[in-house]
């Protein structure tokens, strides 16, 4: 039977790089995935490996290029990897590189930061996807697992009801989500670090300040805030699972319900997503 699509590569390549400047060190903690698409059908149909770059070589290349050029931003490192592979593999047509950066910060000691000791920030991570072919390089930046919550100015009411609807309307609920968002830029000429931080700040500020009538309502406000404040962004996608916090009925225990005690649930959850573009 003919093949309609193929790809192969190396996933979950773990890379930690320490940059040492005197007694202050900087840490980059990455998980990298590399995927090739090209003229490799005979490796499937005939077992011909003559053009198949080993995935172990892909892994080694990640380490070698990080050592040679030092990782500055996930996006620019993905571009370096993509161009390296494309230049050296004639059967390769498109290379996909995904980079997840796991954040670390210096441990504070009094009013100073310790130069060589770190604490993991999480579960939030920074993401980058780079697709490279002979004509173009497409770059997408993002954030994953950004857990945020607001304890007021969140409502959900006015929805249709049928015989299976049990959800009560509310004008005062907790709104919590684990945000995943990714965005594209107008061009490759972007200062990726400051742009990523500007998008993240705009998302958080809009979430905090918005008078929410639903997750959808707040999601749109967050995406709109990014497009209004970060000129380099062309489009943005937001995925927001609704992590429900259900009020506990304390009247069963002879106690007053003051909208203060909740049970946090992650499953099942609503899943809201949208893309905004200029």
C-alpha atoms as a PDB file:
ATOM      1  CA  UNK A   1       0.000   0.000   0.000  1.00  0.00           C
ATOM      2  CA  UNK A   2       1.308   3.511  -0.823  1.00  0.00           C
ATOM      3  CA  UNK A   3       2.347   5.876   1.948  1.00  0.00           C
ATOM      4  CA  UNK A   4       0.352   9.090   2.249  1.00  0.00           C
ATOM      5  CA  UNK A   5       2.451  10.798   4.936  1.00  0.00           C
ATOM      6  CA  UNK A   6       5.607  10.062   6.901  1.00  0.00           C
ATOM      7  CA  UNK A   7       7.854  11.757   9.415  1.00  0.00           C
ATOM      8  CA  UNK A   8      10.475  10.714  11.915  1.00  0.00           C
ATOM      9  CA  UNK A   9      12.598  12.359  14.559  1.00  0.00           C
ATOM     10  CA  UNK A  10      13.753  12.532  18.154  1.00  0.00           C
ATOM     11  CA  UNK A  11      11.575  13.659  21.061  1.00  0.00           C
ATOM     12  CA  UNK A  12      12.143  14.640  24.676  1.00  0.00           C
ATOM     13  CA  UNK A  13      15.791  15.633  24.254  1.00  0.00           C
ATOM     14  CA  UNK A  14      16.689  17.070  27.661  1.00  0.00           C
ATOM     15  CA  UNK A  15      19.234  19.878  27.652  1.00  0.00           C
ATOM     16  CA  UNK A  16      20.441  21.917  30.618  1.00  0.00           C
ATOM     17  CA  UNK A  17      22.988  24.649  29.934  1.00  0.00           C
ATOM     18  CA  UNK A  18      24.866  26.630  32.581  1.00  0.00           C
ATOM     19  CA  UNK A  19      26.430  29.939  31.549  1.00  0.00           C
ATOM     20  CA  UNK A  20      29.089  30.998  34.048  1.00  0.00           C
ATOM     21  CA  UNK A  21      29.952  34.658  34.490  1.00  0.00           C
ATOM     22  CA  UNK A  22      32.084  34.986  37.579  1.00  0.00           C
ATOM     23  CA  UNK A  23      30.110  34.006  40.649  1.00  0.00           C
ATOM     24  CA  UNK A  24      26.720  34.478  38.937  1.00  0.00           C
ATOM     25  CA  UNK A  25      25.476  31.674  36.728  1.00  0.00           C
ATOM     26  CA  UNK A  26      22.491  31.517  34.370  1.00  0.00           C
ATOM     27  CA  UNK A  27      20.511  28.347  33.707  1.00  0.00           C
ATOM     28  CA  UNK A  28      18.561  27.242  30.625  1.00  0.00           C
ATOM     29  CA  UNK A  29      16.534  24.039  30.981  1.00  0.00           C
ATOM     30  CA  UNK A  30      15.047  22.796  27.706  1.00  0.00           C
ATOM     31  CA  UNK A  31      13.171  19.858  26.261  1.00  0.00           C
ATOM     32  CA  UNK A  32      13.680  19.673  22.492  1.00  0.00           C
ATOM     33  CA  UNK A  33      11.929  17.668  19.777  1.00  0.00           C
ATOM     34  CA  UNK A  34      13.112  17.368  16.157  1.00  0.00           C
ATOM     35  CA  UNK A  35      10.986  15.960  13.332  1.00  0.00           C
ATOM     36  CA  UNK A  36      11.928  15.421   9.663  1.00  0.00           C
ATOM     37  CA  UNK A  37       9.566  15.345   6.689  1.00  0.00           C
ATOM     38  CA  UNK A  38      11.016  14.495   3.298  1.00  0.00           C
ATOM     39  CA  UNK A  39      11.810  11.830   0.725  1.00  0.00           C
ATOM     40  CA  UNK A  40      12.241   8.893   3.075  1.00  0.00           C
ATOM     41  CA  UNK A  41       9.572   6.498   1.785  1.00  0.00           C
ATOM     42  CA  UNK A  42      12.045   3.790   0.795  1.00  0.00           C
ATOM     43  CA  UNK A  43      13.149   3.449   4.406  1.00  0.00           C
ATOM     44  CA  UNK A  44       9.594   2.275   5.107  1.00  0.00           C
ATOM     45  CA  UNK A  45       8.864   0.293   1.962  1.00  0.00           C
ATOM     46  CA  UNK A  46      12.277  -1.250   1.276  1.00  0.00           C
ATOM     47  CA  UNK A  47      14.228  -0.892   4.522  1.00  0.00           C
ATOM     48  CA  UNK A  48      16.707   1.422   2.759  1.00  0.00           C
ATOM     49  CA  UNK A  49      18.443   3.535   5.414  1.00  0.00           C
ATOM     50  CA  UNK A  50      20.986   5.176   3.099  1.00  0.00           C
ATOM     51  CA  UNK A  51      19.419   8.636   3.550  1.00  0.00           C
ATOM     52  CA  UNK A  52      18.065   8.298   7.087  1.00  0.00           C
ATOM     53  CA  UNK A  53      19.957  10.470   9.541  1.00  0.00           C
ATOM     54  CA  UNK A  54      19.882   8.561  12.858  1.00  0.00           C
ATOM     55  CA  UNK A  55      17.703  10.116  15.507  1.00  0.00           C
ATOM     56  CA  UNK A  56      20.645   9.668  17.876  1.00  0.00           C
ATOM     57  CA  UNK A  57      22.545  12.096  15.639  1.00  0.00           C
ATOM     58  CA  UNK A  58      19.685  14.576  15.964  1.00  0.00           C
ATOM     59  CA  UNK A  59      20.042  14.367  19.746  1.00  0.00           C
ATOM     60  CA  UNK A  60      23.817  14.843  19.574  1.00  0.00           C
ATOM     61  CA  UNK A  61      23.384  17.812  17.242  1.00  0.00           C
ATOM     62  CA  UNK A  62      21.195  19.565  19.806  1.00  0.00           C
ATOM     63  CA  UNK A  63      23.964  19.274  22.395  1.00  0.00           C
ATOM     64  CA  UNK A  64      26.761  20.231  19.987  1.00  0.00           C
ATOM     65  CA  UNK A  65      25.035  23.347  18.641  1.00  0.00           C
ATOM     66  CA  UNK A  66      24.069  24.452  22.155  1.00  0.00           C
ATOM     67  CA  UNK A  67      27.729  24.180  23.154  1.00  0.00           C
ATOM     68  CA  UNK A  68      28.960  25.932  20.009  1.00  0.00           C
ATOM     69  CA  UNK A  69      26.536  28.871  19.942  1.00  0.00           C
ATOM     70  CA  UNK A  70      24.932  28.958  23.444  1.00  0.00           C
ATOM     71  CA  UNK A  71      21.164  29.042  23.766  1.00  0.00           C
ATOM     72  CA  UNK A  72      19.934  32.616  23.973  1.00  0.00           C
ATOM     73  CA  UNK A  73      16.217  32.200  23.208  1.00  0.00           C
ATOM     74  CA  UNK A  74      14.189  29.033  22.443  1.00  0.00           C
ATOM     75  CA  UNK A  75      13.010  30.500  19.131  1.00  0.00           C
ATOM     76  CA  UNK A  76      16.461  31.430  17.836  1.00  0.00           C
ATOM     77  CA  UNK A  77      17.865  28.051  18.920  1.00  0.00           C
ATOM     78  CA  UNK A  78      15.093  26.348  16.947  1.00  0.00           C
ATOM     79  CA  UNK A  79      16.040  28.385  13.871  1.00  0.00           C
ATOM     80  CA  UNK A  80      19.706  27.395  14.232  1.00  0.00           C
ATOM     81  CA  UNK A  81      18.786  23.708  14.487  1.00  0.00           C
ATOM     82  CA  UNK A  82      16.361  23.824  11.577  1.00  0.00           C
ATOM     83  CA  UNK A  83      18.800  25.478   9.184  1.00  0.00           C
ATOM     84  CA  UNK A  84      21.623  23.157  10.239  1.00  0.00           C
ATOM     85  CA  UNK A  85      19.580  20.034   9.464  1.00  0.00           C
ATOM     86  CA  UNK A  86      18.115  21.415   6.226  1.00  0.00           C
ATOM     87  CA  UNK A  87      21.544  22.375   4.842  1.00  0.00           C
ATOM     88  CA  UNK A  88      23.045  18.914   5.477  1.00  0.00           C
ATOM     89  CA  UNK A  89      20.277  16.498   4.481  1.00  0.00           C
ATOM     90  CA  UNK A  90      19.329  16.626   0.772  1.00  0.00           C
ATOM     91  CA  UNK A  91      16.240  14.411   1.187  1.00  0.00           C
ATOM     92  CA  UNK A  92      14.860  16.624   3.944  1.00  0.00           C
ATOM     93  CA  UNK A  93      12.083  18.987   2.867  1.00  0.00           C
ATOM     94  CA  UNK A  94      10.714  20.353   6.152  1.00  0.00           C
ATOM     95  CA  UNK A  95      12.136  20.199   9.653  1.00  0.00           C
ATOM     96  CA  UNK A  96      10.036  20.893  12.733  1.00  0.00           C
ATOM     97  CA  UNK A  97      11.743  21.875  15.971  1.00  0.00           C
ATOM     98  CA  UNK A  98       9.810  22.258  19.210  1.00  0.00           C
ATOM     99  CA  UNK A  99      11.489  23.725  22.277  1.00  0.00           C
ATOM    100  CA  UNK A 100       9.993  23.834  25.773  1.00  0.00           C
ATOM    101  CA  UNK A 101      11.839  25.951  28.328  1.00  0.00           C
ATOM    102  CA  UNK A 102      11.360  25.099  31.990  1.00  0.00           C
ATOM    103  CA  UNK A 103      11.890  28.227  34.066  1.00  0.00           C
ATOM    104  CA  UNK A 104      14.291  28.552  36.981  1.00  0.00           C
ATOM    105  CA  UNK A 105      15.023  31.574  39.165  1.00  0.00           C
ATOM    106  CA  UNK A 106      17.860  32.419  41.518  1.00  0.00           C
ATOM    107  CA  UNK A 107      17.148  31.637  45.155  1.00  0.00           C
ATOM    108  CA  UNK A 108      16.809  34.873  47.171  1.00  0.00           C
ATOM    109  CA  UNK A 109      19.077  35.226  50.181  1.00  0.00           C
ATOM    110  CA  UNK A 110      17.875  38.227  52.165  1.00  0.00           C
ATOM    111  CA  UNK A 111      17.698  41.140  49.735  1.00  0.00           C
ATOM    112  CA  UNK A 112      20.051  39.502  47.209  1.00  0.00           C
ATOM    113  CA  UNK A 113      19.946  36.536  44.846  1.00  0.00           C
ATOM    114  CA  UNK A 114      22.295  33.606  45.229  1.00  0.00           C
ATOM    115  CA  UNK A 115      24.449  33.458  42.120  1.00  0.00           C
ATOM    116  CA  UNK A 116      24.669  29.665  41.748  1.00  0.00           C
ATOM    117  CA  UNK A 117      21.496  28.290  43.394  1.00  0.00           C
ATOM    118  CA  UNK A 118      18.118  28.067  41.713  1.00  0.00           C
ATOM    119  CA  UNK A 119      14.461  27.310  42.402  1.00  0.00           C
ATOM    120  CA  UNK A 120      12.194  25.846  39.732  1.00  0.00           C
ATOM    121  CA  UNK A 121       9.281  27.950  38.521  1.00  0.00           C
ATOM    122  CA  UNK A 122       6.375  25.849  37.504  1.00  0.00           C
ATOM    123  CA  UNK A 123       4.356  24.259  36.185  1.00  0.00           C
ATOM    124  CA  UNK A 124       4.440  27.097  33.642  1.00  0.00           C
ATOM    125  CA  UNK A 125       6.769  26.667  30.664  1.00  0.00           C
ATOM    126  CA  UNK A 126       7.775  28.751  27.674  1.00  0.00           C
ATOM    127  CA  UNK A 127       7.324  27.134  24.263  1.00  0.00           C
ATOM    128  CA  UNK A 128       8.579  27.676  20.729  1.00  0.00           C
ATOM    129  CA  UNK A 129       7.829  25.910  17.455  1.00  0.00           C
ATOM    130  CA  UNK A 130      10.002  26.463  14.403  1.00  0.00           C
ATOM    131  CA  UNK A 131       9.199  25.047  10.955  1.00  0.00           C
ATOM    132  CA  UNK A 132      11.953  25.406   8.357  1.00  0.00           C
ATOM    133  CA  UNK A 133      11.905  24.555   4.657  1.00  0.00           C
ATOM    134  CA  UNK A 134      13.736  25.787   1.571  1.00  0.00           C
ATOM    135  CA  UNK A 135      11.488  28.827   1.178  1.00  0.00           C
ATOM    136  CA  UNK A 136      10.589  29.973   4.663  1.00  0.00           C
ATOM    137  CA  UNK A 137      10.934  29.762   8.426  1.00  0.00           C
ATOM    138  CA  UNK A 138       7.744  29.948  10.496  1.00  0.00           C
ATOM    139  CA  UNK A 139       8.115  30.736  14.199  1.00  0.00           C
ATOM    140  CA  UNK A 140       5.491  30.362  16.914  1.00  0.00           C
ATOM    141  CA  UNK A 141       6.060  31.360  20.534  1.00  0.00           C
ATOM    142  CA  UNK A 142       3.926  30.343  23.463  1.00  0.00           C
ATOM    143  CA  UNK A 143       3.295  29.620  27.109  1.00  0.00           C
ATOM    144  CA  UNK A 144       1.916  26.391  28.566  1.00  0.00           C
ATOM    145  CA  UNK A 145       0.400  25.420  31.922  1.00  0.00           C
ATOM    146  CA  UNK A 146       0.164  28.982  33.213  1.00  0.00           C
ATOM    147  CA  UNK A 147      -2.140  28.419  36.209  1.00  0.00           C
ATOM    148  CA  UNK A 148      -4.142  31.551  37.095  1.00  0.00           C
ATOM    149  CA  UNK A 149      -7.170  32.233  39.298  1.00  0.00           C
ATOM    150  CA  UNK A 150      -9.385  35.166  40.168  1.00  0.00           C
ATOM    151  CA  UNK A 151     -11.619  35.120  43.237  1.00  0.00           C
ATOM    152  CA  UNK A 152     -14.073  37.852  42.207  1.00  0.00           C
ATOM    153  CA  UNK A 153     -15.537  39.686  39.197  1.00  0.00           C
ATOM    154  CA  UNK A 154     -16.436  36.400  37.507  1.00  0.00           C
ATOM    155  CA  UNK A 155     -19.971  35.318  36.607  1.00  0.00           C
ATOM    156  CA  UNK A 156     -21.832  32.806  34.468  1.00  0.00           C
ATOM    157  CA  UNK A 157     -25.540  33.359  33.912  1.00  0.00           C
ATOM    158  CA  UNK A 158     -28.176  33.700  31.203  1.00  0.00           C
ATOM    159  CA  UNK A 159     -27.439  30.324  29.601  1.00  0.00           C
ATOM    160  CA  UNK A 160     -30.161  28.033  28.171  1.00  0.00           C
ATOM    161  CA  UNK A 161     -31.639  25.353  30.395  1.00  0.00           C
ATOM    162  CA  UNK A 162     -33.204  21.996  29.574  1.00  0.00           C
ATOM    163  CA  UNK A 163     -34.266  18.915  31.514  1.00  0.00           C
ATOM    164  CA  UNK A 164     -30.631  17.915  32.091  1.00  0.00           C
ATOM    165  CA  UNK A 165     -29.356  21.291  33.326  1.00  0.00           C
ATOM    166  CA  UNK A 166     -28.480  21.379  37.013  1.00  0.00           C
ATOM    167  CA  UNK A 167     -25.861  24.152  37.033  1.00  0.00           C
ATOM    168  CA  UNK A 168     -27.038  27.199  39.001  1.00  0.00           C
ATOM    169  CA  UNK A 169     -26.451  30.691  37.682  1.00  0.00           C
ATOM    170  CA  UNK A 170     -23.849  32.717  39.547  1.00  0.00           C
ATOM    171  CA  UNK A 171     -22.662  36.306  39.653  1.00  0.00           C
ATOM    172  CA  UNK A 172     -19.750  35.576  41.980  1.00  0.00           C
ATOM    173  CA  UNK A 173     -17.604  32.514  41.319  1.00  0.00           C
ATOM    174  CA  UNK A 174     -13.947  31.574  41.251  1.00  0.00           C
ATOM    175  CA  UNK A 175     -12.447  31.521  37.759  1.00  0.00           C
ATOM    176  CA  UNK A 176      -9.356  29.332  37.381  1.00  0.00           C
ATOM    177  CA  UNK A 177      -7.555  27.934  34.382  1.00  0.00           C
ATOM    178  CA  UNK A 178      -4.297  26.412  33.209  1.00  0.00           C
ATOM    179  CA  UNK A 179      -3.660  28.626  30.197  1.00  0.00           C
ATOM    180  CA  UNK A 180      -1.927  27.429  27.060  1.00  0.00           C
ATOM    181  CA  UNK A 181      -1.363  30.114  24.448  1.00  0.00           C
ATOM    182  CA  UNK A 182       0.729  30.406  21.316  1.00  0.00           C
ATOM    183  CA  UNK A 183       1.201  33.232  18.863  1.00  0.00           C
ATOM    184  CA  UNK A 184       2.821  34.093  15.538  1.00  0.00           C
ATOM    185  CA  UNK A 185       4.801  37.192  14.676  1.00  0.00           C
ATOM    186  CA  UNK A 186       4.516  39.554  11.742  1.00  0.00           C
ATOM    187  CA  UNK A 187       8.133  38.843  10.759  1.00  0.00           C
ATOM    188  CA  UNK A 188      11.245  36.998  11.903  1.00  0.00           C
ATOM    189  CA  UNK A 189      12.834  40.281  12.971  1.00  0.00           C
ATOM    190  CA  UNK A 190      11.655  40.014  16.561  1.00  0.00           C
ATOM    191  CA  UNK A 191      13.448  40.398  19.865  1.00  0.00           C
ATOM    192  CA  UNK A 192      11.999  37.161  21.177  1.00  0.00           C
ATOM    193  CA  UNK A 193      12.703  37.489  24.886  1.00  0.00           C
ATOM    194  CA  UNK A 194      11.159  40.939  25.474  1.00  0.00           C
ATOM    195  CA  UNK A 195       8.269  40.116  23.115  1.00  0.00           C
ATOM    196  CA  UNK A 196       7.471  36.902  24.983  1.00  0.00           C
ATOM    197  CA  UNK A 197       7.526  38.696  28.323  1.00  0.00           C
ATOM    198  CA  UNK A 198       5.308  41.483  26.944  1.00  0.00           C
ATOM    199  CA  UNK A 199       2.698  38.987  25.724  1.00  0.00           C
ATOM    200  CA  UNK A 200       2.705  37.153  29.052  1.00  0.00           C
ATOM    201  CA  UNK A 201       2.289  40.422  30.953  1.00  0.00           C
ATOM    202  CA  UNK A 202      -0.602  41.503  28.717  1.00  0.00           C
ATOM    203  CA  UNK A 203      -2.356  38.160  29.223  1.00  0.00           C
ATOM    204  CA  UNK A 204      -2.053  38.329  32.998  1.00  0.00           C
ATOM    205  CA  UNK A 205      -3.092  41.971  33.273  1.00  0.00           C
ATOM    206  CA  UNK A 206      -6.182  41.433  31.118  1.00  0.00           C
ATOM    207  CA  UNK A 207      -7.172  38.336  33.103  1.00  0.00           C
ATOM    208  CA  UNK A 208      -6.864  40.203  36.392  1.00  0.00           C
ATOM    209  CA  UNK A 209      -8.694  43.368  35.333  1.00  0.00           C
ATOM    210  CA  UNK A 210     -11.522  41.910  33.255  1.00  0.00           C
ATOM    211  CA  UNK A 211     -15.116  41.782  34.526  1.00  0.00           C
ATOM    212  CA  UNK A 212     -15.833  38.261  33.333  1.00  0.00           C
ATOM    213  CA  UNK A 213     -19.252  37.092  32.162  1.00  0.00           C
ATOM    214  CA  UNK A 214     -17.785  33.744  31.043  1.00  0.00           C
ATOM    215  CA  UNK A 215     -14.470  32.072  30.260  1.00  0.00           C
ATOM    216  CA  UNK A 216     -15.116  32.904  26.602  1.00  0.00           C
ATOM    217  CA  UNK A 217     -15.596  36.564  27.489  1.00  0.00           C
ATOM    218  CA  UNK A 218     -12.303  36.762  29.393  1.00  0.00           C
ATOM    219  CA  UNK A 219     -10.405  34.724  26.788  1.00  0.00           C
ATOM    220  CA  UNK A 220     -11.380  37.237  24.110  1.00  0.00           C
ATOM    221  CA  UNK A 221     -10.351  40.166  26.300  1.00  0.00           C
ATOM    222  CA  UNK A 222      -6.950  38.566  26.927  1.00  0.00           C
ATOM    223  CA  UNK A 223      -6.268  37.927  23.240  1.00  0.00           C
ATOM    224  CA  UNK A 224      -7.451  41.401  22.310  1.00  0.00           C
ATOM    225  CA  UNK A 225      -5.128  42.934  24.908  1.00  0.00           C
ATOM    226  CA  UNK A 226      -2.138  41.183  23.350  1.00  0.00           C
ATOM    227  CA  UNK A 227      -2.947  42.402  19.837  1.00  0.00           C
ATOM    228  CA  UNK A 228      -3.486  45.940  21.128  1.00  0.00           C
ATOM    229  CA  UNK A 229      -0.269  46.161  23.150  1.00  0.00           C
ATOM    230  CA  UNK A 230       2.298  43.945  21.400  1.00  0.00           C
ATOM    231  CA  UNK A 231       2.651  45.172  17.842  1.00  0.00           C
ATOM    232  CA  UNK A 232       4.926  42.300  16.755  1.00  0.00           C
ATOM    233  CA  UNK A 233       2.170  39.683  17.197  1.00  0.00           C
ATOM    234  CA  UNK A 234       0.098  38.770  14.135  1.00  0.00           C
ATOM    235  CA  UNK A 235      -2.272  36.212  15.685  1.00  0.00           C
ATOM    236  CA  UNK A 236      -2.756  34.462  19.014  1.00  0.00           C
ATOM    237  CA  UNK A 237      -4.505  31.270  20.097  1.00  0.00           C
ATOM    238  CA  UNK A 238      -5.662  30.747  23.673  1.00  0.00           C
ATOM    239  CA  UNK A 239      -6.759  27.438  25.207  1.00  0.00           C
ATOM    240  CA  UNK A 240      -8.394  27.760  28.625  1.00  0.00           C
ATOM    241  CA  UNK A 241      -9.719  24.728  30.495  1.00  0.00           C
ATOM    242  CA  UNK A 242     -12.215  25.824  33.132  1.00  0.00           C
ATOM    243  CA  UNK A 243     -10.842  24.412  36.386  1.00  0.00           C
ATOM    244  CA  UNK A 244     -13.998  24.390  38.459  1.00  0.00           C
ATOM    245  CA  UNK A 245     -13.948  25.395  42.127  1.00  0.00           C
ATOM    246  CA  UNK A 246     -17.225  24.213  43.582  1.00  0.00           C
ATOM    247  CA  UNK A 247     -18.672  25.823  46.736  1.00  0.00           C
ATOM    248  CA  UNK A 248     -19.013  23.420  49.644  1.00  0.00           C
ATOM    249  CA  UNK A 249     -22.478  23.516  51.254  1.00  0.00           C
ATOM    250  CA  UNK A 250     -21.536  24.193  54.878  1.00  0.00           C
ATOM    251  CA  UNK A 251     -25.189  24.370  55.974  1.00  0.00           C
ATOM    252  CA  UNK A 252     -25.069  20.573  56.262  1.00  0.00           C
ATOM    253  CA  UNK A 253     -22.652  21.098  59.150  1.00  0.00           C
ATOM    254  CA  UNK A 254     -24.664  23.883  60.765  1.00  0.00           C
ATOM    255  CA  UNK A 255     -22.287  26.527  59.409  1.00  0.00           C
ATOM    256  CA  UNK A 256     -22.929  29.669  57.366  1.00  0.00           C
ATOM    257  CA  UNK A 257     -22.174  29.667  53.648  1.00  0.00           C
ATOM    258  CA  UNK A 258     -20.006  32.754  53.098  1.00  0.00           C
ATOM    259  CA  UNK A 259     -18.657  31.781  49.648  1.00  0.00           C
ATOM    260  CA  UNK A 260     -15.246  31.025  51.164  1.00  0.00           C
ATOM    261  CA  UNK A 261     -14.877  27.229  51.119  1.00  0.00           C
ATOM    262  CA  UNK A 262     -14.485  25.417  47.773  1.00  0.00           C
ATOM    263  CA  UNK A 263     -13.406  22.057  46.440  1.00  0.00           C
ATOM    264  CA  UNK A 264     -10.988  22.305  43.510  1.00  0.00           C
ATOM    265  CA  UNK A 265     -11.602  19.935  40.597  1.00  0.00           C
ATOM    266  CA  UNK A 266      -9.686  19.353  37.376  1.00  0.00           C
ATOM    267  CA  UNK A 267     -11.840  16.644  35.750  1.00  0.00           C
ATOM    268  CA  UNK A 268     -14.191  16.938  34.035  1.00  0.00           C
ATOM    269  CA  UNK A 269     -13.595  20.504  32.900  1.00  0.00           C
ATOM    270  CA  UNK A 270     -14.919  22.864  30.284  1.00  0.00           C
ATOM    271  CA  UNK A 271     -12.490  23.606  27.457  1.00  0.00           C
ATOM    272  CA  UNK A 272     -12.619  26.999  25.792  1.00  0.00           C
ATOM    273  CA  UNK A 273     -10.369  28.086  22.927  1.00  0.00           C
ATOM    274  CA  UNK A 274     -10.175  30.705  20.210  1.00  0.00           C
ATOM    275  CA  UNK A 275      -7.765  32.414  17.825  1.00  0.00           C
ATOM    276  CA  UNK A 276      -7.614  36.183  17.333  1.00  0.00           C
ATOM    277  CA  UNK A 277      -5.856  37.726  14.332  1.00  0.00           C
ATOM    278  CA  UNK A 278      -5.206  41.215  13.034  1.00  0.00           C
END
